[in-house]
Protein backbone atom coordinates (compact mmCIF):
# COMPACT_ATOMS: atom_id res chain seq x y z
CA MET A 1 35.74 37.06 -5.82
CA GLY A 2 36.90 33.90 -7.49
CA LYS A 3 39.74 31.47 -7.13
CA SER A 4 43.10 32.65 -8.41
CA GLU A 5 43.63 29.47 -10.49
CA ASN A 6 40.49 30.31 -12.46
CA ALA A 7 41.77 33.74 -13.56
CA SER A 8 43.36 32.43 -16.76
CA LYS A 9 40.58 30.04 -17.79
CA THR A 10 38.63 30.68 -20.94
CA PHE A 11 34.85 30.65 -21.15
CA ALA A 12 35.00 27.35 -23.04
CA GLN A 13 37.03 25.73 -20.25
CA MET A 14 34.59 26.91 -17.59
CA ALA A 15 31.59 25.77 -19.66
CA LYS A 16 33.18 22.35 -20.12
CA GLU A 17 33.84 21.97 -16.37
CA GLN A 18 30.60 23.38 -14.96
CA GLY A 19 28.25 23.24 -17.92
CA ALA A 20 26.93 26.17 -19.90
CA TRP A 21 23.52 25.97 -18.17
CA ALA A 22 25.13 26.41 -14.75
CA LEU A 23 27.22 29.38 -15.93
CA PHE A 24 24.14 31.25 -17.10
CA PHE A 25 21.45 30.26 -14.61
CA ASN A 26 23.08 29.63 -11.24
CA GLY A 27 22.30 32.69 -9.18
CA LEU A 28 19.56 33.93 -11.53
CA ALA A 29 16.78 33.85 -8.90
CA PRO A 30 18.68 36.00 -6.35
CA ARG A 31 19.62 38.42 -9.14
CA VAL A 32 16.00 38.78 -10.28
CA LEU A 33 14.91 39.32 -6.68
CA MET A 34 17.61 41.95 -6.14
CA ILE A 35 16.92 43.84 -9.37
CA GLY A 36 13.15 43.70 -8.85
CA THR A 37 13.46 45.08 -5.35
CA LEU A 38 15.83 47.87 -6.36
CA THR A 39 13.70 48.85 -9.35
CA GLY A 40 10.55 48.91 -7.22
CA LEU A 41 12.29 51.07 -4.64
CA GLN A 42 13.47 53.50 -7.31
CA TRP A 43 9.94 53.84 -8.72
CA TRP A 44 8.56 54.39 -5.19
CA ILE A 45 11.12 57.19 -4.57
CA TYR A 46 10.32 58.77 -7.94
CA ASP A 47 6.57 58.63 -7.37
CA THR A 48 6.88 59.97 -3.81
CA PHE A 49 8.99 62.88 -5.07
CA LYS A 50 6.57 63.69 -7.87
CA THR A 51 3.60 63.57 -5.51
CA SER A 52 5.33 65.75 -2.91
CA MET A 53 6.12 68.33 -5.63
CA GLY A 54 2.48 68.37 -6.74
CA MET A 55 3.14 66.80 -10.13
CA GLY A 56 0.60 63.98 -9.78
CA THR A 57 1.20 60.26 -9.61
CA SER A 58 2.67 57.85 -12.10
CA GLY A 59 -0.52 55.79 -12.00
CA GLY A 60 -2.44 58.14 -14.25
CA GLY A 61 -5.07 59.04 -11.65
CA PRO A 62 -5.78 62.60 -10.55
CA ALA A 63 -3.43 64.13 -8.01
CA LYS A 64 -4.66 64.12 -4.41
CA LYS A 65 -5.31 67.53 -2.93
């Protein structure tokens, strides 16, 4: 994961070395992409299951027959 010499550092020490902005926002774009993709996939699975069980769609439209 990280370097062993960083294991005992406090948040303040890391923020001073790297900057608070970098600690919070480096890696944000890949995280948003990952979470968005996983959430979309979960909704697709849920909607596919509901439709296959005849419960209608999540979109509010009438169920296809």
